[in-house]
PDB file of N, CA and C in Angstrom:
ATOM      1  N   MET A   1     138.222-121.051  87.840  1.00  0.00           N
ATOM      2  CA  MET A   1     137.344-122.600  87.935  1.00  0.00           C
ATOM      3  C   MET A   1     138.309-123.731  87.243  1.00  0.00           C
ATOM      4  N   ILE A   2     138.875-123.532  86.414  1.00  0.00           N
ATOM      5  CA  ILE A   2     139.714-124.353  85.671  1.00  0.00           C
ATOM      6  C   ILE A   2     141.008-124.883  86.435  1.00  0.00           C
ATOM      7  N   ARG A   3     141.483-123.791  86.961  1.00  0.00           N
ATOM      8  CA  ARG A   3     142.847-123.857  87.759  1.00  0.00           C
ATOM      9  C   ARG A   3     142.326-124.829  89.130  1.00  0.00           C
ATOM     10  N   ALA A   4     141.068-124.680  89.762  1.00  0.00           N
ATOM     11  CA  ALA A   4     140.517-125.617  90.906  1.00  0.00           C
ATOM     12  C   ALA A   4     140.558-127.065  90.565  1.00  0.00           C
ATOM     13  N   THR A   5     139.573-127.192  89.163  1.00  0.00           N
ATOM     14  CA  THR A   5     139.243-128.327  88.945  1.00  0.00           C
ATOM     15  C   THR A   5     140.490-129.110  88.281  1.00  0.00           C
ATOM     16  N   ARG A   6     141.809-128.539  87.638  1.00  0.00           N
ATOM     17  CA  ARG A   6     142.796-129.052  87.110  1.00  0.00           C
ATOM     18  C   ARG A   6     143.775-129.747  88.714  1.00  0.00           C
ATOM     19  N   LEU A   7     143.611-128.819  89.527  1.00  0.00           N
ATOM     20  CA  LEU A   7     144.325-129.366  90.975  1.00  0.00           C
ATOM     21  C   LEU A   7     143.503-130.482  91.599  1.00  0.00           C
ATOM     22  N   GLN A   8     142.032-130.294  91.691  1.00  0.00           N
ATOM     23  CA  GLN A   8     141.147-131.413  92.339  1.00  0.00           C
ATOM     24  C   GLN A   8     141.547-132.601  91.271  1.00  0.00           C
ATOM     25  N   LEU A   9     141.623-132.770  90.062  1.00  0.00           N
ATOM     26  CA  LEU A   9     141.785-133.922  89.152  1.00  0.00           C
ATOM     27  C   LEU A   9     143.192-134.456  89.154  1.00  0.00           C
ATOM     28  N   GLY A  10     144.080-133.516  89.514  1.00  0.00           N
ATOM     29  CA  GLY A  10     145.683-133.574  89.318  1.00  0.00           C
ATOM     30  C   GLY A  10     146.289-133.845  88.065  1.00  0.00           C
ATOM     31  N   LEU A  11     145.766-132.790  87.590  1.00  0.00           N
ATOM     32  CA  LEU A  11     146.339-132.738  85.765  1.00  0.00           C
ATOM     33  C   LEU A  11     147.463-131.638  85.967  1.00  0.00           C
ATOM     34  N   PRO A  12     148.206-131.572  84.965  1.00  0.00           N
ATOM     35  CA  PRO A  12     149.562-130.914  84.938  1.00  0.00           C
ATOM     36  C   PRO A  12     149.203-129.625  84.694  1.00  0.00           C
ATOM     37  N   ALA A  13     149.866-128.321  85.062  1.00  0.00           N
ATOM     38  CA  ALA A  13     149.977-127.105  84.838  1.00  0.00           C
ATOM     39  C   ALA A  13     149.583-126.576  83.554  1.00  0.00           C
ATOM     40  N   THR A  14     149.880-127.560  82.599  1.00  0.00           N
ATOM     41  CA  THR A  14     149.377-127.161  81.134  1.00  0.00           C
ATOM     42  C   THR A  14     148.086-127.358  80.585  1.00  0.00           C
ATOM     43  N   ALA A  15     147.267-127.863  81.428  1.00  0.00           N
ATOM     44  CA  ALA A  15     145.923-127.871  81.455  1.00  0.00           C
ATOM     45  C   ALA A  15     145.338-126.627  81.388  1.00  0.00           C
ATOM     46  N   THR A  16     145.189-125.621  80.527  1.00  0.00           N
ATOM     47  CA  THR A  16     144.953-124.471  80.608  1.00  0.00           C
ATOM     48  C   THR A  16     143.620-124.304  79.541  1.00  0.00           C
ATOM     49  N   PRO A  17     143.024-123.195  79.707  1.00  0.00           N
ATOM     50  CA  PRO A  17     142.043-123.095  78.853  1.00  0.00           C
ATOM     51  C   PRO A  17     142.356-122.715  77.353  1.00  0.00           C
ATOM     52  N   HIS A  18     143.555-121.895  77.225  1.00  0.00           N
ATOM     53  CA  HIS A  18     144.344-122.232  75.888  1.00  0.00           C
ATOM     54  C   HIS A  18     144.452-123.293  75.248  1.00  0.00           C
ATOM     55  N   ALA A  19     144.847-124.344  76.017  1.00  0.00           N
ATOM     56  CA  ALA A  19     145.619-125.698  75.704  1.00  0.00           C
ATOM     57  C   ALA A  19     144.173-126.529  75.301  1.00  0.00           C
ATOM     58  N   LEU A  20     142.991-126.144  76.065  1.00  0.00           N
ATOM     59  CA  LEU A  20     141.767-126.986  75.753  1.00  0.00           C
ATOM     60  C   LEU A  20     141.011-126.188  74.436  1.00  0.00           C
ATOM     61  N   ARG A  21     141.382-124.918  74.232  1.00  0.00           N
ATOM     62  CA  ARG A  21     140.776-124.480  72.756  1.00  0.00           C
ATOM     63  C   ARG A  21     141.863-124.886  71.468  1.00  0.00           C
ATOM     64  N   HIS A  22     143.193-125.083  72.148  1.00  0.00           N
ATOM     65  CA  HIS A  22     144.070-125.761  71.051  1.00  0.00           C
ATOM     66  C   HIS A  22     143.447-127.298  70.662  1.00  0.00           C
ATOM     67  N   SER A  23     143.176-127.894  71.514  1.00  0.00           N
ATOM     68  CA  SER A  23     143.036-129.206  71.611  1.00  0.00           C
ATOM     69  C   SER A  23     141.571-129.326  70.559  1.00  0.00           C
ATOM     70  N   PHE A  24     140.844-128.729  71.314  1.00  0.00           N
ATOM     71  CA  PHE A  24     139.470-128.601  70.659  1.00  0.00           C
ATOM     72  C   PHE A  24     139.214-128.481  68.971  1.00  0.00           C
ATOM     73  N   ALA A  25     140.241-127.449  68.538  1.00  0.00           N
ATOM     74  CA  ALA A  25     140.533-126.875  67.344  1.00  0.00           C
ATOM     75  C   ALA A  25     141.132-128.067  66.462  1.00  0.00           C
ATOM     76  N   SER A  26     142.238-128.675  67.098  1.00  0.00           N
ATOM     77  CA  SER A  26     143.319-129.600  66.530  1.00  0.00           C
ATOM     78  C   SER A  26     142.141-131.134  66.221  1.00  0.00           C
ATOM     79  N   HIS A  27     141.420-131.217  67.055  1.00  0.00           N
ATOM     80  CA  HIS A  27     140.361-132.234  66.725  1.00  0.00           C
ATOM     81  C   HIS A  27     139.385-132.206  65.924  1.00  0.00           C
ATOM     82  N   LEU A  28     139.069-131.203  65.875  1.00  0.00           N
ATOM     83  CA  LEU A  28     138.148-130.892  64.778  1.00  0.00           C
ATOM     84  C   LEU A  28     138.629-131.023  63.204  1.00  0.00           C
ATOM     85  N   LEU A  29     139.816-130.479  63.246  1.00  0.00           N
ATOM     86  CA  LEU A  29     140.256-130.317  62.286  1.00  0.00           C
ATOM     87  C   LEU A  29     140.999-131.563  61.589  1.00  0.00           C
ATOM     88  N   ASN A  30     141.596-132.634  62.625  1.00  0.00           N
ATOM     89  CA  ASN A  30     142.030-133.907  62.386  1.00  0.00           C
ATOM     90  C   ASN A  30     140.889-134.795  62.029  1.00  0.00           C
ATOM     91  N   ARG A  31     139.709-134.444  62.631  1.00  0.00           N
ATOM     92  CA  ARG A  31     138.428-135.209  62.211  1.00  0.00           C
ATOM     93  C   ARG A  31     137.669-134.843  60.742  1.00  0.00           C
ATOM     94  N   GLY A  32     138.211-133.590  60.166  1.00  0.00           N
ATOM     95  CA  GLY A  32     137.763-133.319  58.903  1.00  0.00           C
ATOM     96  C   GLY A  32     137.087-132.533  58.794  1.00  0.00           C
ATOM     97  N   GLY A  33     137.107-131.183  60.147  1.00  0.00           N
ATOM     98  CA  GLY A  33     136.213-130.258  60.127  1.00  0.00           C
ATOM     99  C   GLY A  33     136.901-129.088  59.258  1.00  0.00           C
ATOM    100  N   ASP A  34     136.289-128.365  58.803  1.00  0.00           N
ATOM    101  CA  ASP A  34     136.259-127.001  57.634  1.00  0.00           C
ATOM    102  C   ASP A  34     137.345-126.155  58.548  1.00  0.00           C
ATOM    103  N   LEU A  35     138.557-125.406  58.075  1.00  0.00           N
ATOM    104  CA  LEU A  35     139.173-124.593  58.727  1.00  0.00           C
ATOM    105  C   LEU A  35     138.451-123.018  58.633  1.00  0.00           C
ATOM    106  N   ARG A  36     137.721-123.137  57.762  1.00  0.00           N
ATOM    107  CA  ARG A  36     136.742-121.787  58.217  1.00  0.00           C
ATOM    108  C   ARG A  36     135.514-122.053  58.919  1.00  0.00           C
ATOM    109  N   THR A  37     134.932-123.075  59.282  1.00  0.00           N
ATOM    110  CA  THR A  37     134.041-123.352  60.628  1.00  0.00           C
ATOM    111  C   THR A  37     134.890-123.239  61.953  1.00  0.00           C
ATOM    112  N   ILE A  38     136.170-123.861  61.856  1.00  0.00           N
ATOM    113  CA  ILE A  38     136.770-123.625  63.070  1.00  0.00           C
ATOM    114  C   ILE A  38     136.979-122.356  63.416  1.00  0.00           C
ATOM    115  N   GLN A  39     137.616-121.731  62.191  1.00  0.00           N
ATOM    116  CA  GLN A  39     137.966-120.294  62.583  1.00  0.00           C
ATOM    117  C   GLN A  39     136.635-119.422  63.229  1.00  0.00           C
ATOM    118  N   GLU A  40     135.314-119.672  62.691  1.00  0.00           N
ATOM    119  CA  GLU A  40     133.977-118.901  63.139  1.00  0.00           C
ATOM    120  C   GLU A  40     133.979-119.629  64.671  1.00  0.00           C
ATOM    121  N   LEU A  41     134.268-120.900  64.603  1.00  0.00           N
ATOM    122  CA  LEU A  41     134.236-121.490  66.286  1.00  0.00           C
ATOM    123  C   LEU A  41     134.738-120.568  67.210  1.00  0.00           C
ATOM    124  N   LEU A  42     135.897-120.451  66.722  1.00  0.00           N
ATOM    125  CA  LEU A  42     137.000-119.847  67.689  1.00  0.00           C
ATOM    126  C   LEU A  42     136.880-118.425  67.826  1.00  0.00           C
ATOM    127  N   GLY A  43     136.107-117.818  67.030  1.00  0.00           N
ATOM    128  CA  GLY A  43     135.823-116.339  66.832  1.00  0.00           C
ATOM    129  C   GLY A  43     137.512-115.678  66.397  1.00  0.00           C
ATOM    130  N   HIS A  44     137.909-116.146  65.759  1.00  0.00           N
ATOM    131  CA  HIS A  44     139.020-115.474  64.872  1.00  0.00           C
ATOM    132  C   HIS A  44     138.530-114.637  63.774  1.00  0.00           C
ATOM    133  N   ALA A  45     139.188-113.469  63.565  1.00  0.00           N
ATOM    134  CA  ALA A  45     138.985-112.409  62.588  1.00  0.00           C
ATOM    135  C   ALA A  45     139.611-112.862  61.440  1.00  0.00           C
ATOM    136  N   ASN A  46     140.848-113.502  61.379  1.00  0.00           N
ATOM    137  CA  ASN A  46     141.818-113.791  60.362  1.00  0.00           C
ATOM    138  C   ASN A  46     141.749-115.389  60.169  1.00  0.00           C
ATOM    139  N   LEU A  47     142.073-115.872  59.116  1.00  0.00           N
ATOM    140  CA  LEU A  47     142.097-117.436  58.872  1.00  0.00           C
ATOM    141  C   LEU A  47     143.354-117.927  59.301  1.00  0.00           C
ATOM    142  N   SER A  48     144.690-117.096  58.857  1.00  0.00           N
ATOM    143  CA  SER A  48     146.031-117.229  59.531  1.00  0.00           C
ATOM    144  C   SER A  48     145.913-117.301  60.746  1.00  0.00           C
ATOM    145  N   THR A  49     145.300-116.798  61.487  1.00  0.00           N
ATOM    146  CA  THR A  49     145.391-116.940  63.031  1.00  0.00           C
ATOM    147  C   THR A  49     144.775-118.451  63.351  1.00  0.00           C
ATOM    148  N   THR A  50     143.860-119.107  62.741  1.00  0.00           N
ATOM    149  CA  THR A  50     143.199-120.296  62.974  1.00  0.00           C
ATOM    150  C   THR A  50     144.312-121.429  62.790  1.00  0.00           C
ATOM    151  N   GLU A  51     144.824-120.803  61.444  1.00  0.00           N
ATOM    152  CA  GLU A  51     146.140-121.976  60.793  1.00  0.00           C
ATOM    153  C   GLU A  51     147.016-122.208  62.209  1.00  0.00           C
ATOM    154  N   ALA A  52     147.397-121.005  62.572  1.00  0.00           N
ATOM    155  CA  ALA A  52     148.677-120.856  63.379  1.00  0.00           C
ATOM    156  C   ALA A  52     148.192-121.768  64.869  1.00  0.00           C
ATOM    157  N   TYR A  53     146.989-121.662  65.045  1.00  0.00           N
ATOM    158  CA  TYR A  53     146.656-122.032  66.428  1.00  0.00           C
ATOM    159  C   TYR A  53     146.512-123.335  66.200  1.00  0.00           C
ATOM    160  N   THR A  54     146.020-124.016  65.173  1.00  0.00           N
ATOM    161  CA  THR A  54     145.803-125.434  65.095  1.00  0.00           C
ATOM    162  C   THR A  54     147.008-126.265  64.871  1.00  0.00           C
ATOM    163  N   SER A  55     147.082-127.585  65.114  1.00  0.00           N
ATOM    164  CA  SER A  55     148.343-128.511  64.898  1.00  0.00           C
ATOM    165  C   SER A  55     147.688-128.960  63.361  1.00  0.00           C
ATOM    166  N   LEU A  56     148.502-128.343  62.682  1.00  0.00           N
ATOM    167  CA  LEU A  56     148.271-128.915  61.084  1.00  0.00           C
ATOM    168  C   LEU A  56     149.242-129.921  60.700  1.00  0.00           C
ATOM    169  N   ASP A  57     148.707-131.168  60.183  1.00  0.00           N
ATOM    170  CA  ASP A  57     149.420-132.133  60.143  1.00  0.00           C
ATOM    171  C   ASP A  57     149.422-132.375  58.595  1.00  0.00           C
ATOM    172  N   ALA A  58     150.588-131.978  58.146  1.00  0.00           N
ATOM    173  CA  ALA A  58     150.870-132.273  56.732  1.00  0.00           C
ATOM    174  C   ALA A  58     150.515-133.144  55.961  1.00  0.00           C
ATOM    175  N   ALA A  59     150.473-134.499  56.510  1.00  0.00           N
ATOM    176  CA  ALA A  59     149.895-135.749  55.781  1.00  0.00           C
ATOM    177  C   ALA A  59     148.482-135.416  55.301  1.00  0.00           C
ATOM    178  N   ARG A  60     147.482-134.979  56.748  1.00  0.00           N
ATOM    179  CA  ARG A  60     146.324-134.638  56.517  1.00  0.00           C
ATOM    180  C   ARG A  60     146.041-133.216  55.355  1.00  0.00           C
ATOM    181  N   LEU A  61     146.837-132.547  55.249  1.00  0.00           N
ATOM    182  CA  LEU A  61     146.427-131.581  54.583  1.00  0.00           C
ATOM    183  C   LEU A  61     146.794-131.975  52.968  1.00  0.00           C
ATOM    184  N   MET A  62     147.781-132.953  52.933  1.00  0.00           N
ATOM    185  CA  MET A  62     148.166-133.321  51.393  1.00  0.00           C
ATOM    186  C   MET A  62     146.780-134.243  50.880  1.00  0.00           C
ATOM    187  N   ASP A  63     146.088-135.110  51.944  1.00  0.00           N
ATOM    188  CA  ASP A  63     144.941-135.876  51.343  1.00  0.00           C
ATOM    189  C   ASP A  63     144.165-134.817  50.959  1.00  0.00           C
ATOM    190  N   VAL A  64     143.529-133.766  51.918  1.00  0.00           N
ATOM    191  CA  VAL A  64     142.448-133.007  51.628  1.00  0.00           C
ATOM    192  C   VAL A  64     142.836-132.635  49.982  1.00  0.00           C
ATOM    193  N   TYR A  65     144.064-131.742  50.038  1.00  0.00           N
ATOM    194  CA  TYR A  65     144.587-131.192  48.603  1.00  0.00           C
ATOM    195  C   TYR A  65     144.529-132.128  47.403  1.00  0.00           C
ATOM    196  N   HIS A  66     144.855-133.570  47.672  1.00  0.00           N
ATOM    197  CA  HIS A  66     144.666-134.460  46.558  1.00  0.00           C
ATOM    198  C   HIS A  66     143.266-134.642  46.427  1.00  0.00           C
ATOM    199  N   GLY A  67     142.430-134.560  47.406  1.00  0.00           N
ATOM    200  CA  GLY A  67     141.227-135.259  47.382  1.00  0.00           C
ATOM    201  C   GLY A  67     140.441-133.605  46.555  1.00  0.00           C
ATOM    202  N   ALA A  68     140.733-132.681  46.703  1.00  0.00           N
ATOM    203  CA  ALA A  68     139.892-131.322  46.250  1.00  0.00           C
ATOM    204  C   ALA A  68     140.556-130.688  44.936  1.00  0.00           C
ATOM    205  N   HIS A  69     141.740-130.986  45.010  1.00  0.00           N
ATOM    206  CA  HIS A  69     142.428-130.333  43.600  1.00  0.00           C
ATOM    207  C   HIS A  69     142.218-131.054  42.374  1.00  0.00           C
ATOM    208  N   PRO A  70     141.845-130.418  41.271  1.00  0.00           N
ATOM    209  CA  PRO A  70     141.413-131.034  39.911  1.00  0.00           C
ATOM    210  C   PRO A  70     142.397-131.840  39.295  1.00  0.00           C
ATOM    211  N   ARG A  71     144.059-131.660  39.806  1.00  0.00           N
ATOM    212  CA  ARG A  71     144.810-132.020  39.222  1.00  0.00           C
ATOM    213  C   ARG A  71     145.839-132.968  40.426  1.00  0.00           C
ATOM    214  N   GLY A  72     144.921-133.002  41.364  1.00  0.00           N
ATOM    215  CA  GLY A  72     145.755-133.694  42.577  1.00  0.00           C
ATOM    216  C   GLY A  72     145.682-135.232  42.285  1.00  0.00           C
TER     217      GLY A  72
END
């Protein structure tokens, strides 16, 4: 179904279910989503899988660190 829709819309071959999951997770994380919640939404057993699956923005991580760490 995704392939047919992609062809109908003229989207590139990179528009796959995996790319949609990756985009979903990345957008949630970049908009302040909690990594544990994203892990649950994606159905990952290990948090490390979710961390690797999302595009982690170093600047965003540092902002979260500075806001949450007692000495940040």
